[in-house]
Protein backbone atom coordinates (compact mmCIF):
# COMPACT_ATOMS: atom_id res chain seq x y z
CA UNK A 1 114.83 141.57 126.78
CA UNK A 2 113.46 142.96 123.54
CA UNK A 3 109.81 144.21 123.29
CA UNK A 4 107.67 141.69 121.19
CA UNK A 5 106.51 143.61 117.76
CA UNK A 6 103.29 144.63 117.74
CA UNK A 7 100.80 145.88 114.63
CA UNK A 8 98.48 148.93 115.69
CA UNK A 9 94.76 148.12 115.58
CA UNK A 10 94.46 150.75 112.85
CA UNK A 11 96.41 148.75 110.58
CA UNK A 12 93.75 146.13 110.95
CA UNK A 13 91.05 148.23 110.58
CA UNK A 14 92.73 149.79 107.18
CA UNK A 15 93.45 146.30 106.11
CA UNK A 16 89.70 145.10 106.95
CA UNK A 17 88.42 148.19 104.65
CA UNK A 18 90.82 148.27 101.81
CA UNK A 19 92.55 145.12 100.84
CA UNK A 20 91.27 144.08 97.62
CA UNK A 21 92.26 140.29 98.38
CA UNK A 22 90.26 140.04 101.23
CA UNK A 23 87.33 141.73 99.40
CA UNK A 24 87.81 139.70 96.42
CA UNK A 25 87.71 136.00 98.72
CA UNK A 26 84.92 137.44 100.64
CA UNK A 27 82.78 137.84 97.62
CA UNK A 28 84.16 134.83 95.84
CA UNK A 29 82.64 132.97 98.64
CA UNK A 30 79.50 134.75 98.70
CA UNK A 31 79.04 133.79 95.20
CA UNK A 32 79.80 130.63 95.43
CA UNK A 33 77.69 129.99 98.19
CA UNK A 34 74.64 131.24 96.19
CA UNK A 35 75.42 129.36 92.92
CA UNK A 36 76.45 126.08 95.35
CA UNK A 37 72.65 126.46 96.49
CA UNK A 38 71.39 126.90 93.20
CA UNK A 39 72.99 123.72 91.68
CA UNK A 40 72.58 121.59 94.59
CA UNK A 41 69.36 119.58 93.21
CA UNK A 42 72.10 118.74 90.08
CA UNK A 43 74.35 117.43 93.17
CA UNK A 44 77.51 119.97 91.83
CA UNK A 45 79.21 122.41 93.15
CA UNK A 46 79.85 125.90 91.44
CA UNK A 47 83.12 124.84 90.96
CA UNK A 48 82.18 121.55 89.37
CA UNK A 49 79.53 123.42 87.04
CA UNK A 50 82.83 125.96 86.05
CA UNK A 51 84.72 122.72 85.49
CA UNK A 52 82.29 120.94 83.38
CA UNK A 53 81.38 123.77 81.38
CA UNK A 54 85.06 123.97 80.71
CA UNK A 55 84.92 120.92 78.90
CA UNK A 56 82.31 121.86 76.53
CA UNK A 57 84.53 122.48 73.64
CA UNK A 58 84.15 121.31 69.76
CA UNK A 59 87.64 119.20 70.69
CA UNK A 60 88.21 117.75 74.29
CA UNK A 61 90.90 120.36 75.79
CA UNK A 62 94.06 119.27 77.46
CA UNK A 63 94.50 119.20 81.14
CA UNK A 64 96.81 121.98 80.80
CA UNK A 65 94.45 123.97 78.82
CA UNK A 66 91.83 123.69 81.74
CA UNK A 67 94.00 124.15 84.25
CA UNK A 68 94.97 127.70 82.46
CA UNK A 69 91.25 128.55 82.07
CA UNK A 70 90.37 127.74 85.50
CA UNK A 71 93.64 129.46 87.06
CA UNK A 72 94.69 125.73 88.73
CA UNK A 73 97.60 123.78 89.02
CA UNK A 74 97.49 120.69 87.41
CA UNK A 75 97.33 118.71 90.58
CA UNK A 76 94.53 120.43 91.97
CA UNK A 77 92.59 120.15 88.77
CA UNK A 78 93.32 116.58 88.66
CA UNK A 79 92.02 116.11 92.04
CA UNK A 80 88.75 118.02 91.12
CA UNK A 81 87.96 115.92 88.25
CA UNK A 82 88.02 112.47 90.06
CA UNK A 83 84.49 112.74 91.72
CA UNK A 84 83.28 114.13 88.41
CA UNK A 85 84.94 110.94 86.27
CA UNK A 86 83.24 108.60 88.99
CA UNK A 87 80.01 109.69 88.32
CA UNK A 88 80.51 109.30 84.63
CA UNK A 89 80.02 112.99 84.02
CA UNK A 90 83.23 113.01 82.12
CA UNK A 91 86.59 111.03 80.79
CA UNK A 92 90.04 111.24 80.85
CA UNK A 93 91.65 109.84 77.78
CA UNK A 94 94.99 110.04 75.99
CA UNK A 95 95.78 112.39 73.29
CA UNK A 96 95.56 110.56 70.06
CA UNK A 97 98.31 113.07 68.71
CA UNK A 98 100.60 113.00 71.74
CA UNK A 99 100.29 109.76 73.87
CA UNK A 100 101.83 111.69 76.96
CA UNK A 101 99.13 114.26 76.95
CA UNK A 102 95.67 113.45 78.37
CA UNK A 103 92.17 114.64 76.81
CA UNK A 104 89.26 115.49 78.94
CA UNK A 105 85.63 115.05 77.37
CA UNK A 106 82.00 115.41 78.85
CA UNK A 107 80.07 112.35 78.75
CA UNK A 108 76.44 112.01 77.44
CA UNK A 109 75.73 112.37 81.11
CA UNK A 110 77.66 115.30 81.57
CA UNK A 111 76.28 116.93 78.72
CA UNK A 112 72.79 116.09 80.09
CA UNK A 113 73.34 117.34 83.61
CA UNK A 114 75.15 120.80 82.05
CA UNK A 115 71.98 121.16 79.99
CA UNK A 116 69.46 120.81 82.94
CA UNK A 117 71.67 123.22 85.07
CA UNK A 118 72.50 125.88 82.68
CA UNK A 119 69.14 127.34 82.87
CA UNK A 120 69.33 127.57 86.77
CA UNK A 121 72.98 129.17 86.54
CA UNK A 122 71.16 131.70 84.11
CA UNK A 123 68.94 132.42 86.01
CA UNK A 124 70.91 132.69 89.32
CA UNK A 125 73.94 134.98 87.20
CA UNK A 126 70.66 137.48 86.40
CA UNK A 127 69.67 137.88 89.84
CA UNK A 128 73.30 138.25 90.89
CA UNK A 129 74.16 141.03 88.33
CA UNK A 130 70.71 142.58 89.11
CA UNK A 131 71.83 143.39 92.60
CA UNK A 132 75.12 145.30 91.21
CA UNK A 133 74.63 149.26 90.51
CA UNK A 134 73.92 150.30 87.01
CA UNK A 135 76.65 148.75 84.62
CA UNK A 136 78.46 146.80 87.69
CA UNK A 137 78.87 143.53 85.63
CA UNK A 138 80.63 144.74 83.09
CA UNK A 139 82.81 147.13 85.27
CA UNK A 140 83.33 144.12 88.03
CA UNK A 141 84.26 141.79 84.90
CA UNK A 142 86.78 143.73 83.29
CA UNK A 143 88.43 144.72 86.77
CA UNK A 144 88.66 140.97 87.69
CA UNK A 145 90.21 140.37 84.10
CA UNK A 146 92.50 143.09 84.72
CA UNK A 147 93.34 141.57 88.09
CA UNK A 148 93.86 137.92 86.65
């Protein structure tokens, strides 16, 4: 009978202390919780705020362009759009130039919600950045963009 494979506890500690993926996931969860709490009075999550903000463009974007911006697959994006569409915050319409494609548009209610939520997001974002080391916000964004 062969001996079962084992991973030394030292390896677990090494991963815990050095894994960029783990640290990024933990930071993302902490940031999402903070912004979710700030945006709760508007009955949206931080992810929904980002999604609605991604629709605020001069011309309604395609599902593919929004999925690319948010680094989501189209199926996940479509699932995330449904509650916003049910609330009347955005619409999914046929692209007049390509009837096979869909365009996403904010409604007046969606724009009004964003206008009310943006100052809260701005304040929360400033508080988060203020808690970073000097130059930390720019360095963090640069590092995250390099990874993405």
